Amino acid sequence: MKKTTIFRFIGIGIFHAVLYLYVVPFVIYPKFGNNGFIFAVIVAIIIPIAVFGTMIFDKKNKRR
């Protein structure tokens, strides 16, 4: 694997760890309740999709 790909995977892992172990239970859920939890899950799904999408576009651009 390329170095940038490894850093992206590690970055996504760190993001999810911080999000689910600190931000959601101690910040979002007490203040916003169930709606905040659902919003945090949606954001946690969209960000990795966007990051992986940039990896796909990066491969397509290098072929040209």
Protein backbone atom coordinates (compact mmCIF):
# COMPACT_ATOMS: atom_id res chain seq x y z
CA MET A 1 0.00 0.00 0.00
CA LYS A 2 1.05 3.52 -0.55
CA LYS A 3 1.98 5.71 2.35
CA THR A 4 -0.93 8.11 1.78
CA THR A 5 -3.43 5.25 1.76
CA ILE A 6 -2.12 3.97 5.07
CA PHE A 7 -2.34 7.45 6.58
CA ARG A 8 -5.93 7.79 5.36
CA PHE A 9 -6.93 4.48 6.96
CA ILE A 10 -5.22 5.44 10.22
CA GLY A 11 -6.85 8.87 10.13
CA ILE A 12 -10.30 7.38 9.65
CA GLY A 13 -9.67 4.96 12.51
CA ILE A 14 -8.57 7.74 14.83
CA PHE A 15 -11.57 9.85 13.79
CA HIS A 16 -13.99 7.04 14.60
CA ALA A 17 -12.28 6.22 17.88
CA VAL A 18 -12.49 9.82 19.08
CA LEU A 19 -16.03 10.21 17.78
CA TYR A 20 -17.50 7.08 19.33
CA LEU A 21 -15.46 6.95 22.53
CA TYR A 22 -15.57 10.62 23.54
CA VAL A 23 -17.61 13.00 21.41
CA VAL A 24 -20.85 11.03 21.09
CA PRO A 25 -21.28 9.76 24.66
CA PHE A 26 -19.99 12.81 26.53
CA VAL A 27 -20.77 15.77 24.27
CA ILE A 28 -23.48 15.06 21.70
CA TYR A 29 -25.78 12.58 23.44
CA PRO A 30 -26.25 14.49 26.72
CA LYS A 31 -26.95 17.75 24.92
CA PHE A 32 -28.91 16.67 21.82
CA GLY A 33 -30.19 13.20 22.73
CA ASN A 34 -31.10 10.61 20.14
CA ASN A 35 -31.24 13.07 17.22
CA GLY A 36 -27.66 14.13 17.90
CA PHE A 37 -26.57 10.50 18.01
CA ILE A 38 -28.18 9.79 14.63
CA PHE A 39 -26.55 12.88 13.13
CA ALA A 40 -23.14 11.82 14.47
CA VAL A 41 -23.53 8.35 12.95
CA ILE A 42 -24.49 9.84 9.58
CA VAL A 43 -21.44 12.12 9.65
CA ALA A 44 -19.24 9.17 10.64
CA ILE A 45 -20.47 7.26 7.59
CA ILE A 46 -20.21 10.13 5.09
CA ILE A 47 -16.62 11.16 5.96
CA PRO A 48 -14.99 7.78 5.19
CA ILE A 49 -17.00 7.51 1.97
CA ALA A 50 -15.66 10.90 0.93
CA VAL A 51 -12.08 9.95 1.86
CA PHE A 52 -12.27 6.64 -0.02
CA GLY A 53 -13.82 8.50 -2.96
CA THR A 54 -10.79 10.75 -3.13
CA MET A 55 -8.59 7.65 -3.25
CA ILE A 56 -10.55 6.37 -6.27
CA PHE A 57 -10.36 9.72 -8.06
CA ASP A 58 -6.64 9.90 -7.29
CA LYS A 59 -6.07 6.58 -9.05
CA LYS A 60 -8.11 7.63 -12.09
CA ASN A 61 -6.21 10.92 -12.46
CA LYS A 62 -2.80 9.23 -12.32
CA ARG A 63 -3.67 6.94 -15.24
CA ARG A 64 -4.10 9.86 -17.61
